[in-house]
């Protein structure tokens, strides 16, 4: 590529700290900045992702002409008065009811009130957030030779929100085979655009960070369990709490940390209190570096109701930690039951039994760990496929 012109690409994403945003950070860290000039365009005003973006990336924020446009576009009314919140939510509901297959009035309205969308030409516009969100609408309006959108989960309840804009995108990247199968079922008119592109991780960086010292005394406890994920119904933390209660009744001595934040915190704290688990089931919140906790754990637990291609599960595999995961379609793409983890039925009894099985069987844990250490985590082929699509855009 010596002497080739630098390609200008723009990613669109929010600024949270969920798996999708972390996946973007890993991808940005792997890009060749000798070949690409990279911009991150975000409609959000602030967020933890900003601390993790490589310095080579230019961050541009969308500026809205009104709080109403910002609120309905992001479904975020936290900065509004109570009266404004009621009015804005009612307005969003009316716009939603007026939307259809050809237009999403919520996002069209919000996008019309952004006064500084880039006017320049890009070689590629990459809506990494996807999810039929405001970024999908914005990306469709930007001038580029190549447009791509990511699909991150297999439920796709939000897909109708994205349907009016898929015609503007050249590729639909599904992060797993299960996500692609679901997309093909729900959007048959666009199956020719869809292909699997797995999220990219930096395995060496994860192992390096996992070797850093713990900031507390977690390592001293027996039977240490860790779950990494947002406090959201998708992640099944409520199932984990019920499983913890069963373990407690069985006399198992353990400590279970949940690393992540979310809007289910109050509900989960009430559950933890009702089961009297405050001393052994801890919602630790957001942690900048969760990997030392995963490394120190005896078992990594993934109780998700659904996933796209779980980033946390990949990270636990890279750290070679024995895994108990709910038996959902995307987990079967990562876990071979009994070889590099165990898969359990999605309920608290099966989850508790799986955890007890690993805690009580050091031989099985040793086998799982040895097999995980022999796995290869090389994502270079995924990077090169993305490079090829960007390089070849506009040549037809």
Protein backbone atom coordinates (compact mmCIF):
# COMPACT_ATOMS: atom_id res chain seq x y z
CA UNK A 1 0.00 0.00 0.00
CA UNK A 2 3.04 2.29 -0.17
CA UNK A 3 2.10 5.52 -1.94
CA UNK A 4 -1.63 4.74 -1.91
CA UNK A 5 -3.86 7.65 -0.86
CA UNK A 6 -5.08 7.61 2.72
CA UNK A 7 -8.70 6.49 2.98
CA UNK A 8 -11.10 8.66 5.00
CA UNK A 9 -13.54 6.67 7.11
CA UNK A 10 -16.09 7.65 9.72
CA UNK A 11 -17.47 5.39 12.43
CA UNK A 12 -20.80 6.15 14.09
CA UNK A 13 -21.40 4.96 17.64
CA UNK A 14 -22.57 5.97 21.10
CA UNK A 15 -20.27 6.61 24.03
CA UNK A 16 -21.34 3.95 26.54
CA UNK A 17 -19.23 1.13 27.98
CA UNK A 18 -21.18 -1.93 26.87
CA UNK A 19 -19.83 -4.80 24.82
CA UNK A 20 -20.61 -3.10 21.52
CA UNK A 21 -18.64 0.03 22.42
CA UNK A 22 -15.73 -2.01 23.78
CA UNK A 23 -15.69 -3.99 20.53
CA UNK A 24 -15.35 -0.71 18.64
CA UNK A 25 -12.41 0.32 20.81
CA UNK A 26 -10.63 -2.95 20.04
CA UNK A 27 -11.26 -2.47 16.32
CA UNK A 28 -9.99 1.12 16.40
CA UNK A 29 -6.83 -0.01 18.16
CA UNK A 30 -6.14 -2.55 15.42
CA UNK A 31 -6.54 -0.18 12.46
CA UNK A 32 -3.55 0.82 10.37
CA UNK A 33 -3.46 4.61 10.68
CA UNK A 34 -0.89 4.82 7.90
CA UNK A 35 -3.72 3.79 5.59
CA UNK A 36 -6.74 5.45 7.18
CA UNK A 37 -7.82 8.81 8.52
CA UNK A 38 -10.49 7.95 11.09
CA UNK A 39 -13.31 10.01 12.56
CA UNK A 40 -15.75 8.90 15.26
CA UNK A 41 -19.06 10.74 14.87
CA UNK A 42 -21.37 10.45 17.86
CA UNK A 43 -24.74 11.98 18.70
CA UNK A 44 -24.05 11.64 22.42
CA UNK A 45 -22.60 14.45 24.49
CA UNK A 46 -20.42 12.42 26.84
CA UNK A 47 -19.68 8.90 28.00
CA UNK A 48 -16.96 6.54 29.26
CA UNK A 49 -15.98 5.49 25.72
CA UNK A 50 -14.23 8.84 25.24
CA UNK A 51 -11.48 7.77 27.65
CA UNK A 52 -10.68 4.69 25.56
CA UNK A 53 -10.54 6.08 22.02
CA UNK A 54 -7.05 5.94 20.42
CA UNK A 55 -5.45 9.36 20.03
CA UNK A 56 -5.28 8.95 16.23
CA UNK A 57 -9.09 9.11 16.03
CA UNK A 58 -10.83 12.47 15.61
CA UNK A 59 -14.00 12.64 17.71
CA UNK A 60 -16.85 14.81 16.41
CA UNK A 61 -20.06 15.37 18.34
CA UNK A 62 -23.39 16.09 16.68
CA UNK A 63 -24.88 19.35 17.92
CA UNK A 64 -28.66 19.45 18.15
CA UNK A 65 -30.63 22.64 17.70
CA UNK A 66 -33.05 21.67 20.47
CA UNK A 67 -33.26 19.49 23.58
CA UNK A 68 -36.39 17.93 22.06
CA UNK A 69 -34.44 16.61 19.06
CA UNK A 70 -31.68 15.27 21.30
CA UNK A 71 -34.17 13.64 23.66
CA UNK A 72 -36.27 11.88 21.05
CA UNK A 73 -33.26 10.86 18.97
CA UNK A 74 -31.46 9.16 21.86
CA UNK A 75 -34.51 8.43 24.00
CA UNK A 76 -32.66 10.31 26.72
CA UNK A 77 -34.65 12.82 28.75
CA UNK A 78 -32.40 12.90 31.80
CA UNK A 79 -31.58 16.61 31.44
CA UNK A 80 -35.23 17.67 31.03
CA UNK A 81 -37.71 19.02 33.54
CA UNK A 82 -40.60 16.75 34.51
CA UNK A 83 -43.02 18.66 32.26
CA UNK A 84 -40.59 18.57 29.33
CA UNK A 85 -40.07 14.85 29.88
CA UNK A 86 -43.79 14.15 29.62
CA UNK A 87 -44.20 16.33 26.52
CA UNK A 88 -41.12 14.96 24.75
CA UNK A 89 -42.03 11.34 25.43
CA UNK A 90 -45.53 11.96 24.12
CA UNK A 91 -44.06 13.59 21.01
CA UNK A 92 -41.74 10.63 20.48
CA UNK A 93 -44.67 8.24 20.79
CA UNK A 94 -46.70 10.17 18.20
CA UNK A 95 -43.75 10.16 15.77
CA UNK A 96 -43.28 6.44 16.33
CA UNK A 97 -46.94 5.77 15.54
CA UNK A 98 -46.57 7.78 12.33
CA UNK A 99 -43.51 5.81 11.16
CA UNK A 100 -43.62 2.96 8.69
CA UNK A 101 -41.58 0.88 6.26
CA UNK A 102 -40.34 3.91 4.32
CA UNK A 103 -39.63 6.41 7.09
CA UNK A 104 -38.75 6.48 10.76
CA UNK A 105 -40.14 9.85 11.79
CA UNK A 106 -38.41 9.80 15.20
CA UNK A 107 -34.91 9.63 13.78
CA UNK A 108 -35.71 11.68 10.68
CA UNK A 109 -36.93 14.48 12.93
CA UNK A 110 -33.91 14.26 15.24
CA UNK A 111 -31.44 14.16 12.33
CA UNK A 112 -33.04 17.24 10.76
CA UNK A 113 -32.16 19.16 13.93
CA UNK A 114 -28.42 18.43 13.79
CA UNK A 115 -26.78 21.57 12.50
CA UNK A 116 -23.28 20.33 11.77
CA UNK A 117 -23.38 16.98 10.01
CA UNK A 118 -20.21 16.45 7.95
CA UNK A 119 -20.59 17.63 4.36
CA UNK A 120 -17.30 16.23 3.09
CA UNK A 121 -16.93 13.00 1.15
CA UNK A 122 -15.75 9.84 2.93
CA UNK A 123 -14.44 6.62 1.49
CA UNK A 124 -16.50 4.67 4.03
CA UNK A 125 -19.29 5.34 6.54
CA UNK A 126 -19.48 2.61 9.18
CA UNK A 127 -22.51 2.59 11.50
CA UNK A 128 -20.97 0.43 14.20
CA UNK A 129 -23.79 1.07 16.66
CA UNK A 130 -26.47 -0.24 14.33
CA UNK A 131 -29.50 -1.30 16.36
CA UNK A 132 -31.77 0.78 14.12
CA UNK A 133 -30.69 3.83 16.07
CA UNK A 134 -30.16 7.50 15.28
CA UNK A 135 -26.66 6.73 14.00
CA UNK A 136 -28.23 4.58 11.26
CA UNK A 137 -30.22 7.57 10.04
CA UNK A 138 -27.20 9.87 10.22
CA UNK A 139 -24.96 7.40 8.39
CA UNK A 140 -27.46 7.10 5.54
CA UNK A 141 -27.21 10.87 5.00
CA UNK A 142 -23.41 11.04 4.80
CA UNK A 143 -21.65 11.06 1.43
CA UNK A 144 -19.41 8.02 0.92
CA UNK A 145 -18.40 5.35 -1.58
CA UNK A 146 -19.21 2.59 0.91
CA UNK A 147 -21.79 2.34 3.72
CA UNK A 148 -21.92 -0.51 6.24
CA UNK A 149 -24.06 -1.19 9.31
CA UNK A 150 -23.46 -3.69 12.13
CA UNK A 151 -26.02 -6.07 13.67
CA UNK A 152 -25.04 -6.96 17.24
CA UNK A 153 -27.77 -9.17 18.68
CA UNK A 154 -30.00 -12.04 17.59
CA UNK A 155 -33.31 -10.72 18.97
CA UNK A 156 -33.53 -7.79 16.55
CA UNK A 157 -36.72 -6.40 18.04
CA UNK A 158 -35.42 -3.02 16.88
CA UNK A 159 -34.93 -4.07 13.24
CA UNK A 160 -38.12 -2.33 11.98
CA UNK A 161 -36.49 0.95 13.07
CA UNK A 162 -33.58 0.29 10.70
CA UNK A 163 -35.53 -1.08 7.73
CA UNK A 164 -36.22 2.31 6.08
CA UNK A 165 -32.46 2.94 5.82
CA UNK A 166 -30.98 -0.43 4.83
CA UNK A 167 -31.33 0.47 1.16
CA UNK A 168 -28.63 3.11 1.68
CA UNK A 169 -26.13 0.59 3.07
CA UNK A 170 -23.89 -1.61 0.92
CA UNK A 171 -23.12 -4.16 3.63
CA UNK A 172 -24.83 -5.48 6.74
CA UNK A 173 -22.23 -6.97 9.08
CA UNK A 174 -23.65 -9.60 11.43
CA UNK A 175 -21.37 -10.42 14.37
CA UNK A 176 -22.22 -14.14 14.40
CA UNK A 177 -23.83 -16.88 12.34
CA UNK A 178 -26.88 -16.84 14.62
CA UNK A 179 -27.31 -13.10 14.07
CA UNK A 180 -27.09 -13.55 10.30
CA UNK A 181 -29.67 -16.37 10.34
CA UNK A 182 -32.04 -14.12 12.27
CA UNK A 183 -31.41 -11.17 9.96
CA UNK A 184 -32.05 -13.31 6.88
CA UNK A 185 -35.38 -14.42 8.38
CA UNK A 186 -36.53 -10.90 9.20
CA UNK A 187 -35.11 -8.99 6.22
CA UNK A 188 -35.12 -11.35 3.21
CA UNK A 189 -34.91 -8.44 0.78
CA UNK A 190 -31.42 -7.62 2.10
CA UNK A 191 -29.85 -11.05 2.56
CA UNK A 192 -27.50 -10.38 -0.37
CA UNK A 193 -25.96 -7.51 1.64
CA UNK A 194 -25.46 -9.52 4.84
CA UNK A 195 -22.32 -11.35 5.86
CA UNK A 196 -20.69 -12.43 9.10
CA UNK A 197 -17.87 -10.22 10.39
CA UNK A 198 -16.79 -11.15 13.88
CA UNK A 199 -15.86 -8.46 16.38
CA UNK A 200 -12.13 -7.91 16.69
CA UNK A 201 -10.32 -8.14 20.01
CA UNK A 202 -6.74 -7.48 21.03
CA UNK A 203 -5.97 -10.72 22.87
CA UNK A 204 -2.45 -9.67 23.91
CA UNK A 205 -3.77 -6.44 25.42
CA UNK A 206 -6.47 -8.32 27.35
CA UNK A 207 -3.92 -10.78 28.78
CA UNK A 208 -1.57 -7.91 29.67
CA UNK A 209 -4.32 -6.03 31.51
CA UNK A 210 -5.46 -9.25 33.21
CA UNK A 211 -2.00 -9.50 34.80
CA UNK A 212 -2.34 -6.15 36.57
CA UNK A 213 -2.86 -6.15 40.33
CA UNK A 214 -6.36 -6.23 41.76
CA UNK A 215 -7.34 -2.98 43.49
CA UNK A 216 -9.06 -4.84 46.37
CA UNK A 217 -9.02 -8.13 48.33
CA UNK A 218 -11.25 -10.16 45.96
CA UNK A 219 -8.52 -12.77 45.46
CA UNK A 220 -8.59 -13.88 49.12
CA UNK A 221 -12.13 -15.28 48.92
CA UNK A 222 -12.90 -18.94 48.20
CA UNK A 223 -15.08 -19.92 45.23
CA UNK A 224 -14.88 -16.65 43.32
CA UNK A 225 -17.44 -16.05 40.56
CA UNK A 226 -17.45 -13.16 38.07
CA UNK A 227 -20.00 -11.94 35.53
CA UNK A 228 -19.26 -9.06 33.16
CA UNK A 229 -22.21 -7.21 31.64
CA UNK A 230 -24.72 -4.39 31.78
CA UNK A 231 -27.45 -4.48 34.41
CA UNK A 232 -30.11 -5.16 31.79
CA UNK A 233 -32.68 -7.92 31.41
CA UNK A 234 -30.78 -9.26 28.37
CA UNK A 235 -27.83 -10.18 30.58
CA UNK A 236 -29.88 -12.35 32.95
CA UNK A 237 -28.44 -10.93 36.18
CA UNK A 238 -31.81 -11.58 37.86
CA UNK A 239 -31.37 -15.27 37.01
CA UNK A 240 -27.88 -15.09 38.52
CA UNK A 241 -29.28 -13.68 41.78
CA UNK A 242 -31.75 -16.57 42.03
CA UNK A 243 -28.97 -19.05 41.26
CA UNK A 244 -26.87 -17.46 44.02
CA UNK A 245 -29.75 -17.93 46.46
CA UNK A 246 -29.86 -21.63 45.57
CA UNK A 247 -26.11 -21.98 46.07
CA UNK A 248 -26.42 -20.28 49.44
CA UNK A 249 -29.19 -22.66 50.51
CA UNK A 250 -26.97 -25.58 49.47
CA UNK A 251 -24.27 -24.33 51.83
CA UNK A 252 -21.82 -23.21 49.13
CA UNK A 253 -19.45 -20.50 50.33
CA UNK A 254 -18.80 -18.05 47.48
CA UNK A 255 -18.41 -14.44 46.38
CA UNK A 256 -20.01 -13.36 43.09
CA UNK A 257 -19.06 -10.04 41.50
CA UNK A 258 -21.06 -8.46 38.67
CA UNK A 259 -18.99 -5.91 36.78
CA UNK A 260 -21.15 -3.42 34.90
CA UNK A 261 -23.79 -0.76 35.31
CA UNK A 262 -27.31 -0.27 34.03
CA UNK A 263 -30.91 0.71 34.59
CA UNK A 264 -31.79 -2.53 36.42
CA UNK A 265 -29.63 -1.69 39.44
CA UNK A 266 -32.44 -0.72 41.82
CA UNK A 267 -34.50 -3.79 40.92
CA UNK A 268 -31.51 -6.10 41.33
CA UNK A 269 -30.46 -4.52 44.62
CA UNK A 270 -33.98 -5.17 45.94
CA UNK A 271 -33.73 -8.82 44.84
CA UNK A 272 -30.31 -9.20 46.48
CA UNK A 273 -31.70 -7.73 49.72
CA UNK A 274 -34.78 -9.96 49.67
CA UNK A 275 -32.57 -13.06 49.39
CA UNK A 276 -30.12 -11.66 51.99
CA UNK A 277 -27.20 -11.98 49.62
CA UNK A 278 -25.55 -8.62 50.26
CA UNK A 279 -22.33 -10.21 51.54
CA UNK A 280 -21.84 -12.65 48.67
CA UNK A 281 -23.49 -11.14 45.55
CA UNK A 282 -22.02 -7.73 44.73
CA UNK A 283 -23.00 -5.31 41.98
CA UNK A 284 -19.60 -3.67 41.68
CA UNK A 285 -20.58 -1.29 38.86
CA UNK A 286 -18.38 -0.12 36.01
CA UNK A 287 -14.73 -1.12 36.27
CA UNK A 288 -12.19 0.35 33.84
CA UNK A 289 -10.18 -2.85 33.82
CA UNK A 290 -12.33 -5.92 34.57
CA UNK A 291 -9.75 -8.46 33.42
CA UNK A 292 -7.84 -8.96 36.72
CA UNK A 293 -11.17 -9.92 38.31
CA UNK A 294 -11.87 -12.49 35.58
CA UNK A 295 -8.33 -13.87 35.95
CA UNK A 296 -8.69 -14.13 39.75
CA UNK A 297 -12.09 -15.85 39.53
CA UNK A 298 -12.53 -19.59 39.84
CA UNK A 299 -15.44 -19.58 37.38
CA UNK A 300 -16.72 -17.05 34.85
CA UNK A 301 -20.54 -17.08 34.62
CA UNK A 302 -22.54 -15.86 31.61
CA UNK A 303 -26.33 -16.02 32.28
CA UNK A 304 -27.50 -14.03 29.23
CA UNK A 305 -30.98 -14.48 27.77
CA UNK A 306 -29.60 -13.68 24.31
CA UNK A 307 -26.45 -12.28 22.71
CA UNK A 308 -25.02 -11.46 19.32
CA UNK A 309 -21.53 -12.84 19.86
CA UNK A 310 -20.71 -12.17 23.48
CA UNK A 311 -17.62 -10.04 23.91
CA UNK A 312 -17.40 -10.93 27.60
CA UNK A 313 -17.43 -14.64 26.74
CA UNK A 314 -14.59 -14.07 24.27
CA UNK A 315 -12.63 -12.18 26.93
CA UNK A 316 -13.09 -14.96 29.49
CA UNK A 317 -11.91 -17.49 26.89
CA UNK A 318 -8.82 -15.39 26.12
CA UNK A 319 -8.00 -15.31 29.86
CA UNK A 320 -8.55 -19.12 29.90
CA UNK A 321 -11.11 -19.13 32.67
CA UNK A 322 -13.54 -22.05 33.24
CA UNK A 323 -16.93 -20.88 31.96
CA UNK A 324 -20.58 -21.60 32.74
CA UNK A 325 -22.80 -20.04 30.06
CA UNK A 326 -26.50 -20.13 29.25
CA UNK A 327 -27.24 -22.35 26.27
CA UNK A 328 -28.34 -19.70 23.75
CA UNK A 329 -27.58 -19.89 20.00
CA UNK A 330 -24.62 -17.52 19.92
CA UNK A 331 -22.97 -19.21 22.93
CA UNK A 332 -22.85 -22.45 20.94
CA UNK A 333 -20.61 -20.67 18.42
CA UNK A 334 -18.04 -20.08 21.17
CA UNK A 335 -18.49 -22.90 23.68
CA UNK A 336 -18.23 -26.61 22.98
CA UNK A 337 -19.93 -28.13 26.01
CA UNK A 338 -17.40 -29.99 28.15
CA UNK A 339 -14.42 -28.91 26.05
CA UNK A 340 -13.88 -25.16 26.66
CA UNK A 341 -16.79 -24.48 29.01
CA UNK A 342 -20.15 -25.87 29.99
CA UNK A 343 -23.54 -24.82 28.65
CA UNK A 344 -26.62 -24.91 30.87
CA UNK A 345 -30.34 -24.43 30.45
CA UNK A 346 -31.44 -20.83 30.97
CA UNK A 347 -32.86 -21.01 34.50
CA UNK A 348 -31.53 -20.55 38.02
CA UNK A 349 -31.49 -24.26 38.91
CA UNK A 350 -29.39 -25.28 35.91
CA UNK A 351 -27.10 -22.28 36.40
CA UNK A 352 -26.52 -23.10 40.08
CA UNK A 353 -25.92 -26.78 39.24
CA UNK A 354 -23.37 -25.82 36.55
CA UNK A 355 -21.49 -23.57 38.95
CA UNK A 356 -21.49 -26.26 41.66
CA UNK A 357 -20.21 -28.78 39.14
CA UNK A 358 -17.18 -26.65 38.25
CA UNK A 359 -16.45 -25.56 41.81
CA UNK A 360 -16.45 -29.20 42.88
CA UNK A 361 -14.46 -30.70 40.01
CA UNK A 362 -10.89 -29.40 39.79
CA UNK A 363 -10.06 -31.98 37.13
CA UNK A 364 -12.76 -30.69 34.79
CA UNK A 365 -11.67 -27.10 35.45
CA UNK A 366 -8.10 -28.04 34.61
CA UNK A 367 -9.20 -29.64 31.34
CA UNK A 368 -11.26 -26.61 30.34
CA UNK A 369 -8.40 -24.25 31.17
CA UNK A 370 -5.87 -26.30 29.21
CA UNK A 371 -8.13 -26.43 26.17
CA UNK A 372 -8.75 -22.67 26.34
CA UNK A 373 -5.02 -21.98 26.47
CA UNK A 374 -4.65 -23.90 23.23
CA UNK A 375 -7.25 -21.80 21.40
CA UNK A 376 -6.07 -19.22 18.87
CA UNK A 377 -7.52 -15.70 18.92
CA UNK A 378 -6.29 -14.24 15.65
CA UNK A 379 -8.66 -11.71 14.10
CA UNK A 380 -6.41 -10.56 11.29
CA UNK A 381 -8.64 -12.14 8.62
CA UNK A 382 -11.59 -10.06 9.85
CA UNK A 383 -9.49 -6.87 9.70
CA UNK A 384 -8.29 -7.66 6.18
CA UNK A 385 -11.84 -8.31 4.94
CA UNK A 386 -12.91 -4.89 6.19
CA UNK A 387 -9.83 -3.28 4.62
CA UNK A 388 -10.60 -4.94 1.29
CA UNK A 389 -14.19 -3.72 1.21
CA UNK A 390 -13.10 -0.15 1.98
CA UNK A 391 -10.21 -0.23 -0.51
CA UNK A 392 -12.41 -1.53 -3.32
CA UNK A 393 -15.32 0.83 -2.69
CA UNK A 394 -16.11 3.12 -5.58
CA UNK A 395 -14.06 1.13 -8.11
CA UNK A 396 -17.02 -0.53 -9.81
